[in-house]
Amino acid sequence: MFFVVAVSVLVAMHLYLWVRLVRDTTRTGRPRRALTGVLIALALLVLAANVLARVPGPDQWVAWPGYLWLGLAVYLVLALLVLEPIRFIARRRIARREKDSGAEETDEQAISRRLFLARTGAAVAGAASVGLVGYGAATALGPPDLLRVPVRLRRLDPALRGYRIAVVADIHLGPLLGRGHTERIVEMINAAEPDLVAMVGDLVDGTVAELGSAAAPLRDLVARDGAFFVTGNHEYFVDDTADWLRELQRLGMTPLRNENTVVRRGGAVLNLAGVNDLSGARRDDGPDLDRALDGLNPDAPTVLMAHQPVMVGQAAARGVDLQLSGHTHGGQMWPFHYVVEAVQPSLAGLSTVQDTQLYVTRGAGFWGPPVRVGARPDITILTLE
């Protein structure tokens, strides 16, 4: 069903682009046929990038142009839609001016006027879109921001003041992001010298066989109390979720699958729990908060790792002090921020739901187009106070 909807949207986008960028800007003839062919080829390239390109390697010649064109096509559609009222008003004013002057417009003059307006609009939309996508690609492919955020927790033992948790999510290893991406993230986390690493889902978009080497640098993560992982929705897009969890254990990470552990500093205690992503419910592997929080020290604060921020309502009902999440990408490409905000309680950063604090990272990678507009990638160091 998702594939059908996605293909329908892709076709609708390219039909609209054909009307505004090809039909309206050209006369009948060879140039129109050539541009039509180019647009069809670009649409097929997007499909090929999603179907053929699965991992870093030779298929990148399909993935890079396909996903970049998808990002550009999205902003071309948005820019042209914004220009529609201006285009309509301009045509009405020109027609009214000609009527008031009493001049009778020839067919050739009418065609030339329509071509001029259409080509001007296409040029403006193209310039704006190329500029936005260029900026967004540089942002997405550049190093994540390293954010340092203090968080106050009730009942935190003085021995744990200053405790640092590195929060990272949505790395999205796949056809566009490989081993080098992982190495940079590991280097940034290690340089921050955290006490604990919390990786809250969406590490991969492929199988262990395809992406195991890309994830291998995770074995070099250094944190006094270890690195922990919970599944995101993308871990359930592949058939070998359990294989990935075993691979991460082999690399030195600890998956928390509806379970918890305890961090100690002498007699001081911090509860750490993790739940499976909501997408796991389709495989009888969904979140179970009651199980994840069972047996915790009631006198110590509890930190919950849950990929999707929407879990915070259930966490608050159970007295969780702090939930760590990702999933939103901070919206990734404006104006889709507003869509994400409509379905999640927080887009990014620190917020409070009832008595539970929620921290949402914008993620260290991207999904789909290698473009981030208005949502820089980040790795966050939370310091407990």
Protein backbone atom coordinates (compact mmCIF):
# COMPACT_ATOMS: atom_id res chain seq x y z
CA MET A 1 0.00 0.00 0.00
CA PHE A 2 2.83 2.39 0.87
CA PHE A 3 4.50 1.63 -2.47
CA VAL A 4 1.26 2.33 -4.38
CA VAL A 5 0.76 5.66 -2.59
CA ALA A 6 4.40 6.66 -3.11
CA VAL A 7 4.30 5.87 -6.83
CA SER A 8 0.99 7.75 -7.20
CA VAL A 9 2.47 10.84 -5.54
CA LEU A 10 5.59 10.58 -7.71
CA VAL A 11 3.49 10.39 -10.89
CA ALA A 12 1.31 13.32 -9.83
CA MET A 13 4.39 15.45 -9.06
CA HIS A 14 5.93 14.79 -12.46
CA LEU A 15 2.68 15.39 -14.32
CA TYR A 16 2.43 18.80 -12.66
CA LEU A 17 6.09 19.53 -13.46
CA TRP A 18 5.46 18.53 -17.07
CA VAL A 19 2.54 20.95 -17.34
CA ARG A 20 4.40 23.89 -15.80
CA LEU A 21 7.96 23.29 -17.01
CA VAL A 22 7.43 21.61 -20.38
CA ARG A 23 3.97 22.14 -21.87
CA ASP A 24 3.58 25.76 -20.74
CA THR A 25 7.13 26.82 -21.66
CA THR A 26 7.45 25.29 -25.14
CA ARG A 27 5.63 25.18 -28.45
CA THR A 28 4.58 21.90 -30.00
CA GLY A 29 7.59 20.25 -31.60
CA ARG A 30 10.96 18.64 -30.98
CA PRO A 31 11.99 20.68 -27.86
CA ARG A 32 8.77 19.70 -26.09
CA ARG A 33 9.23 16.03 -26.98
CA ALA A 34 12.85 16.10 -25.81
CA LEU A 35 12.01 17.74 -22.47
CA THR A 36 9.16 15.28 -21.96
CA GLY A 37 11.60 12.42 -22.45
CA VAL A 38 14.03 13.94 -19.95
CA LEU A 39 11.30 14.31 -17.32
CA ILE A 40 10.13 10.72 -17.82
CA ALA A 41 13.74 9.52 -17.47
CA LEU A 42 14.15 11.47 -14.24
CA ALA A 43 10.95 9.95 -12.81
CA LEU A 44 12.19 6.46 -13.70
CA LEU A 45 15.54 7.32 -12.10
CA VAL A 46 13.76 8.03 -8.79
CA LEU A 47 12.04 4.65 -8.98
CA ALA A 48 15.33 2.93 -9.83
CA ALA A 49 17.05 4.61 -6.86
CA ASN A 50 14.42 3.19 -4.51
CA VAL A 51 14.26 -0.29 -6.05
CA LEU A 52 17.82 -1.02 -7.23
CA ALA A 53 20.11 1.00 -4.98
CA ARG A 54 20.25 -0.72 -1.60
CA VAL A 55 23.85 -0.35 -0.39
CA PRO A 56 26.94 1.80 -0.93
CA GLY A 57 28.74 0.62 -4.05
CA PRO A 58 28.22 0.49 -7.83
CA ASP A 59 24.51 1.23 -7.54
CA GLN A 60 25.32 4.70 -6.24
CA TRP A 61 25.33 5.95 -9.82
CA VAL A 62 21.58 5.40 -9.63
CA ALA A 63 21.04 6.43 -6.01
CA TRP A 64 22.74 9.82 -5.97
CA PRO A 65 21.11 11.40 -9.05
CA GLY A 66 17.79 9.72 -8.28
CA TYR A 67 17.49 10.98 -4.72
CA LEU A 68 18.92 14.42 -5.55
CA TRP A 69 16.36 14.83 -8.33
CA LEU A 70 13.62 13.76 -5.92
CA GLY A 71 14.63 16.54 -3.50
CA LEU A 72 14.80 19.05 -6.36
CA ALA A 73 11.43 17.91 -7.74
CA VAL A 74 9.79 18.39 -4.35
CA TYR A 75 10.99 21.99 -4.10
CA LEU A 76 10.17 22.70 -7.74
CA VAL A 77 6.58 21.63 -7.10
CA LEU A 78 6.38 23.75 -3.94
CA ALA A 79 7.92 26.79 -5.63
CA LEU A 80 5.60 26.53 -8.63
CA LEU A 81 2.57 26.18 -6.35
CA VAL A 82 3.62 29.35 -4.50
CA LEU A 83 3.90 31.14 -7.86
CA GLU A 84 0.47 30.02 -9.07
CA PRO A 85 -1.45 33.00 -7.55
CA ILE A 86 1.17 35.44 -8.90
CA ARG A 87 0.95 33.86 -12.33
CA PHE A 88 -2.85 34.06 -12.28
CA ILE A 89 -2.88 37.71 -11.18
CA ALA A 90 -0.28 38.67 -13.81
CA ARG A 91 -2.33 37.10 -16.60
CA ARG A 92 -5.50 38.81 -15.42
CA ARG A 93 -3.84 42.23 -15.23
CA ILE A 94 -2.33 41.94 -18.70
CA ALA A 95 -5.68 40.89 -20.14
CA ARG A 96 -7.46 43.77 -18.38
CA ARG A 97 -4.87 46.29 -19.59
CA GLU A 98 -5.30 45.15 -23.17
CA LYS A 99 -9.08 45.30 -22.87
CA ASP A 100 -8.95 48.84 -21.45
CA SER A 101 -6.63 49.98 -24.22
CA GLY A 102 -8.97 48.60 -26.86
CA ALA A 103 -6.10 46.83 -28.60
CA GLU A 104 -6.96 43.50 -30.16
CA GLU A 105 -4.40 40.83 -29.35
CA THR A 106 -3.33 38.45 -32.10
CA ASP A 107 -2.98 34.72 -31.50
CA GLU A 108 0.78 34.98 -31.82
CA GLN A 109 0.93 37.76 -29.24
CA ALA A 110 -1.20 35.72 -26.83
CA ILE A 111 1.09 32.70 -27.25
CA SER A 112 4.20 34.81 -26.75
CA ARG A 113 2.74 36.37 -23.59
CA ARG A 114 1.86 32.95 -22.12
CA LEU A 115 5.30 31.61 -22.96
CA PHE A 116 6.98 34.61 -21.35
CA LEU A 117 5.00 34.26 -18.11
CA ALA A 118 5.53 30.49 -17.98
CA ARG A 119 9.26 30.70 -18.68
CA THR A 120 9.73 33.46 -16.12
CA GLY A 121 7.92 31.41 -13.49
CA ALA A 122 9.92 28.30 -14.37
CA ALA A 123 13.20 30.22 -14.13
CA VAL A 124 12.31 31.69 -10.72
CA ALA A 125 11.15 28.31 -9.39
CA GLY A 126 14.24 26.60 -10.77
CA ALA A 127 16.66 29.11 -9.25
CA ALA A 128 14.95 28.97 -5.85
CA SER A 129 14.82 25.16 -5.85
CA VAL A 130 18.42 24.67 -6.93
CA GLY A 131 19.56 27.11 -4.24
CA LEU A 132 17.54 25.38 -1.51
CA VAL A 133 18.61 21.88 -2.52
CA GLY A 134 22.26 22.93 -2.79
CA TYR A 135 22.15 24.41 0.70
CA GLY A 136 20.20 21.42 2.02
CA ALA A 137 22.62 18.89 0.52
CA ALA A 138 25.62 20.68 2.02
CA THR A 139 23.87 20.63 5.40
CA ALA A 140 22.85 16.97 5.21
CA LEU A 141 26.26 15.74 4.05
CA GLY A 142 28.26 17.92 6.42
CA PRO A 143 29.20 16.97 9.98
CA PRO A 144 26.35 16.85 12.52
CA ASP A 145 26.17 19.62 15.09
CA LEU A 146 27.42 18.54 18.52
CA LEU A 147 24.84 19.90 20.96
CA ARG A 148 25.38 20.09 24.72
CA VAL A 149 22.15 20.19 26.71
CA PRO A 150 21.81 20.20 30.52
CA VAL A 151 18.88 18.22 31.93
CA ARG A 152 17.67 18.43 35.53
CA LEU A 153 16.34 15.18 36.98
CA ARG A 154 14.48 14.74 40.22
CA ARG A 155 16.05 12.32 42.70
CA LEU A 156 19.40 12.37 40.90
CA ASP A 157 22.08 11.36 43.38
CA PRO A 158 24.84 14.01 43.75
CA ALA A 159 27.36 11.36 42.69
CA LEU A 160 25.74 11.35 39.23
CA ARG A 161 25.74 15.11 38.68
CA GLY A 162 27.51 15.90 35.45
CA TYR A 163 26.81 12.43 34.03
CA ARG A 164 26.98 12.65 30.22
CA ILE A 165 24.77 10.70 27.82
CA ALA A 166 25.52 10.86 24.10
CA VAL A 167 22.21 10.66 22.22
CA VAL A 168 22.33 9.70 18.55
CA ALA A 169 19.62 8.42 16.20
CA ASP A 170 18.62 8.07 12.56
CA ILE A 171 22.08 7.35 11.19
CA HIS A 172 20.42 5.61 8.21
CA LEU A 173 23.27 3.62 6.73
CA GLY A 174 22.23 2.72 3.21
CA PRO A 175 22.93 3.50 -0.46
CA LEU A 176 24.08 7.07 0.24
CA LEU A 177 25.66 6.81 3.69
CA GLY A 178 28.31 4.21 4.39
CA ARG A 179 31.33 3.42 6.54
CA GLY A 180 32.78 6.94 6.39
CA HIS A 181 29.55 8.32 7.85
CA THR A 182 29.77 5.87 10.77
CA GLU A 183 33.44 6.65 11.37
CA ARG A 184 32.74 10.39 11.61
CA ILE A 185 29.91 9.84 14.10
CA VAL A 186 32.05 7.53 16.25
CA GLU A 187 34.91 10.06 16.25
CA MET A 188 32.61 12.90 17.31
CA ILE A 189 31.04 10.87 20.12
CA ASN A 190 34.38 9.63 21.44
CA ALA A 191 35.83 13.16 21.37
CA ALA A 192 32.97 14.29 23.66
CA GLU A 193 33.97 11.58 26.22
CA PRO A 194 30.44 10.53 27.25
CA ASP A 195 29.73 8.22 30.16
CA LEU A 196 27.09 6.35 28.13
CA VAL A 197 25.92 6.21 24.51
CA ALA A 198 22.19 5.96 23.77
CA MET A 199 21.47 5.08 20.12
CA VAL A 200 17.72 5.39 19.67
CA GLY A 201 16.96 3.60 16.43
CA ASP A 202 17.04 3.77 12.63
CA LEU A 203 20.66 2.77 12.24
CA VAL A 204 20.28 0.91 8.94
CA ASP A 205 18.29 0.64 5.73
CA GLY A 206 19.47 -2.79 4.66
CA THR A 207 20.65 -6.20 5.80
CA VAL A 208 23.73 -7.21 7.78
CA ALA A 209 25.18 -8.75 4.61
CA GLU A 210 24.72 -5.45 2.77
CA LEU A 211 25.68 -2.99 5.51
CA GLY A 212 27.66 -4.91 8.12
CA SER A 213 30.95 -3.35 7.02
CA ALA A 214 29.40 0.13 7.11
CA ALA A 215 28.32 -0.39 10.73
CA ALA A 216 31.64 -1.99 11.81
CA PRO A 217 33.22 1.25 13.18
CA LEU A 218 30.63 1.16 16.00
CA ARG A 219 32.97 -1.30 17.71
CA ASP A 220 35.26 1.68 18.39
CA LEU A 221 32.72 3.58 20.52
CA VAL A 222 34.19 4.40 23.93
CA ALA A 223 31.97 5.10 26.94
CA ARG A 224 32.58 4.18 30.58
CA ASP A 225 29.15 2.57 31.01
CA GLY A 226 28.75 1.24 27.49
CA ALA A 227 26.65 1.86 24.37
CA PHE A 228 22.96 0.90 24.23
CA PHE A 229 20.56 0.51 21.32
CA VAL A 230 16.81 0.33 20.73
CA THR A 231 15.13 -0.48 17.44
CA GLY A 232 13.58 2.14 15.18
CA ASN A 233 10.95 1.61 12.52
CA HIS A 234 13.59 1.10 9.82
CA GLU A 235 15.05 -1.88 11.66
CA TYR A 236 11.73 -3.59 10.86
CA PHE A 237 11.87 -2.72 7.15
CA VAL A 238 14.32 -5.60 6.71
CA ASP A 239 13.73 -9.28 7.41
CA ASP A 240 16.78 -9.81 9.61
CA THR A 241 16.07 -7.55 12.61
CA ALA A 242 17.34 -10.26 14.97
CA ASP A 243 20.52 -10.60 12.87
CA TRP A 244 21.18 -6.88 13.27
CA LEU A 245 20.72 -7.08 17.03
CA ARG A 246 23.21 -9.94 17.20
CA GLU A 247 25.63 -7.98 14.99
CA LEU A 248 25.40 -4.95 17.26
CA GLN A 249 26.11 -7.13 20.28
CA ARG A 250 29.16 -8.47 18.46
CA LEU A 251 30.28 -4.86 17.94
CA GLY A 252 30.00 -4.20 21.68
CA MET A 253 26.60 -2.51 21.86
CA THR A 254 23.81 -3.64 24.18
CA PRO A 255 20.29 -3.81 22.70
CA LEU A 256 17.53 -3.07 25.19
CA ARG A 257 14.48 -5.01 24.01
CA ASN A 258 11.71 -4.08 26.40
CA GLU A 259 14.19 -4.41 29.24
CA ASN A 260 16.29 -2.32 31.60
CA THR A 261 19.65 -2.06 33.27
CA VAL A 262 21.19 -0.03 36.08
CA VAL A 263 24.02 2.49 35.97
CA ARG A 264 25.97 2.77 39.24
CA ARG A 265 28.41 5.24 40.72
CA GLY A 266 29.26 3.78 44.05
CA GLY A 267 25.92 3.72 45.83
CA ALA A 268 24.27 6.06 43.30
CA VAL A 269 21.82 4.52 40.80
CA LEU A 270 20.37 5.58 37.45
CA ASN A 271 17.72 3.40 35.81
CA LEU A 272 18.07 2.92 32.02
CA ALA A 273 15.27 1.23 30.08
CA GLY A 274 14.57 0.65 26.40
CA VAL A 275 11.54 -0.35 24.33
CA ASN A 276 11.15 -1.77 20.85
CA ASP A 277 9.73 0.50 18.19
CA LEU A 278 6.01 0.60 17.50
CA SER A 279 6.62 -0.90 14.03
CA GLY A 280 7.71 -4.12 15.71
CA ALA A 281 4.09 -4.85 16.66
CA ARG A 282 3.54 -6.17 13.12
CA ARG A 283 5.99 -8.96 13.98
CA ASP A 284 4.85 -9.52 17.56
CA ASP A 285 7.93 -7.56 18.64
CA GLY A 286 6.36 -4.25 19.64
CA PRO A 287 6.96 -2.07 22.69
CA ASP A 288 6.09 -3.35 26.17
CA LEU A 289 6.62 -0.53 28.66
CA ASP A 290 5.45 -2.50 31.67
CA ARG A 291 8.04 -5.17 30.97
CA ALA A 292 10.73 -2.59 30.18
CA LEU A 293 10.19 -0.76 33.47
CA ASP A 294 9.70 -3.82 35.65
CA GLY A 295 11.94 -4.11 38.71
CA LEU A 296 13.47 -0.63 38.57
CA ASN A 297 14.76 1.14 41.66
CA PRO A 298 11.84 3.42 42.69
CA ASP A 299 14.17 5.86 44.46
CA ALA A 300 16.31 6.53 41.37
CA PRO A 301 15.46 8.51 38.21
CA THR A 302 14.54 6.54 35.09
CA VAL A 303 15.76 7.29 31.58
CA LEU A 304 13.80 5.58 28.78
CA MET A 305 15.10 5.01 25.25
CA ALA A 306 12.20 4.94 22.76
CA HIS A 307 12.63 5.68 19.06
CA GLN A 308 9.35 7.55 18.51
CA PRO A 309 8.51 10.60 20.65
CA VAL A 310 4.82 9.62 20.62
CA MET A 311 5.63 7.00 23.26
CA VAL A 312 6.05 9.77 25.85
CA GLY A 313 2.37 9.73 26.87
CA GLN A 314 2.66 6.13 28.04
CA ALA A 315 6.04 6.86 29.62
CA ALA A 316 4.62 9.80 31.58
CA ALA A 317 1.77 7.64 32.86
CA ARG A 318 4.38 5.28 34.32
CA GLY A 319 6.52 7.92 35.98
CA VAL A 320 9.50 7.96 33.60
CA ASP A 321 11.73 10.97 34.29
CA LEU A 322 13.36 11.39 30.87
CA GLN A 323 12.62 9.87 27.46
CA LEU A 324 15.24 9.89 24.67
CA SER A 325 13.90 9.71 21.11
CA GLY A 326 14.66 10.40 17.45
CA HIS A 327 12.54 9.50 14.39
CA THR A 328 11.45 13.03 13.42
CA HIS A 329 14.71 14.16 11.73
CA GLY A 330 13.59 17.58 12.97
CA GLY A 331 11.33 17.58 9.91
CA GLN A 332 14.38 17.17 7.59
CA MET A 333 12.96 19.27 4.74
CA TRP A 334 10.91 22.39 5.44
CA PRO A 335 7.88 22.73 5.24
CA PHE A 336 7.37 19.05 6.15
CA HIS A 337 8.13 20.07 9.74
CA TYR A 338 4.44 20.90 10.06
CA VAL A 339 3.41 17.38 9.03
CA VAL A 340 5.73 15.83 11.61
CA GLU A 341 4.51 18.19 14.32
CA ALA A 342 0.94 17.07 13.62
CA VAL A 343 1.71 13.44 14.52
CA GLN A 344 4.49 13.71 17.11
CA PRO A 345 4.49 15.60 20.45
CA SER A 346 7.85 17.22 19.72
CA LEU A 347 9.88 18.00 16.62
CA ALA A 348 13.28 18.36 18.31
CA GLY A 349 14.93 19.44 21.54
CA LEU A 350 13.88 19.27 25.17
CA SER A 351 10.23 19.53 26.22
CA THR A 352 7.98 18.33 29.03
CA VAL A 353 4.89 16.12 28.91
CA GLN A 354 3.18 16.02 32.29
CA ASP A 355 6.09 15.30 34.66
CA THR A 356 8.23 13.54 32.04
CA GLN A 357 10.94 15.34 30.11
CA LEU A 358 11.33 14.40 26.44
CA TYR A 359 14.49 14.93 24.43
CA VAL A 360 14.27 14.46 20.65
CA THR A 361 17.41 14.49 18.53
CA ARG A 362 17.15 15.61 14.89
CA GLY A 363 19.29 12.61 13.92
CA ALA A 364 22.75 12.26 12.45
CA GLY A 365 21.74 11.14 8.95
CA PHE A 366 18.88 11.52 6.51
CA TRP A 367 16.34 9.40 4.67
CA GLY A 368 15.46 9.71 1.00
CA PRO A 369 16.84 12.90 -0.57
CA PRO A 370 20.28 13.85 0.83
CA VAL A 371 18.80 17.21 1.78
CA ARG A 372 18.12 18.97 5.09
CA VAL A 373 16.43 22.37 5.08
CA GLY A 374 15.70 23.98 8.44
CA ALA A 375 16.75 20.84 10.35
CA ARG A 376 20.48 20.43 10.84
CA PRO A 377 21.74 16.94 11.80
CA ASP A 378 22.95 16.55 15.35
CA ILE A 379 24.52 14.42 18.03
CA THR A 380 23.60 15.53 21.54
CA ILE A 381 25.49 15.29 24.81
CA LEU A 382 22.98 15.47 27.68
CA THR A 383 24.50 16.45 31.01
CA LEU A 384 22.45 15.37 34.01
CA GLU A 385 22.05 17.89 36.84
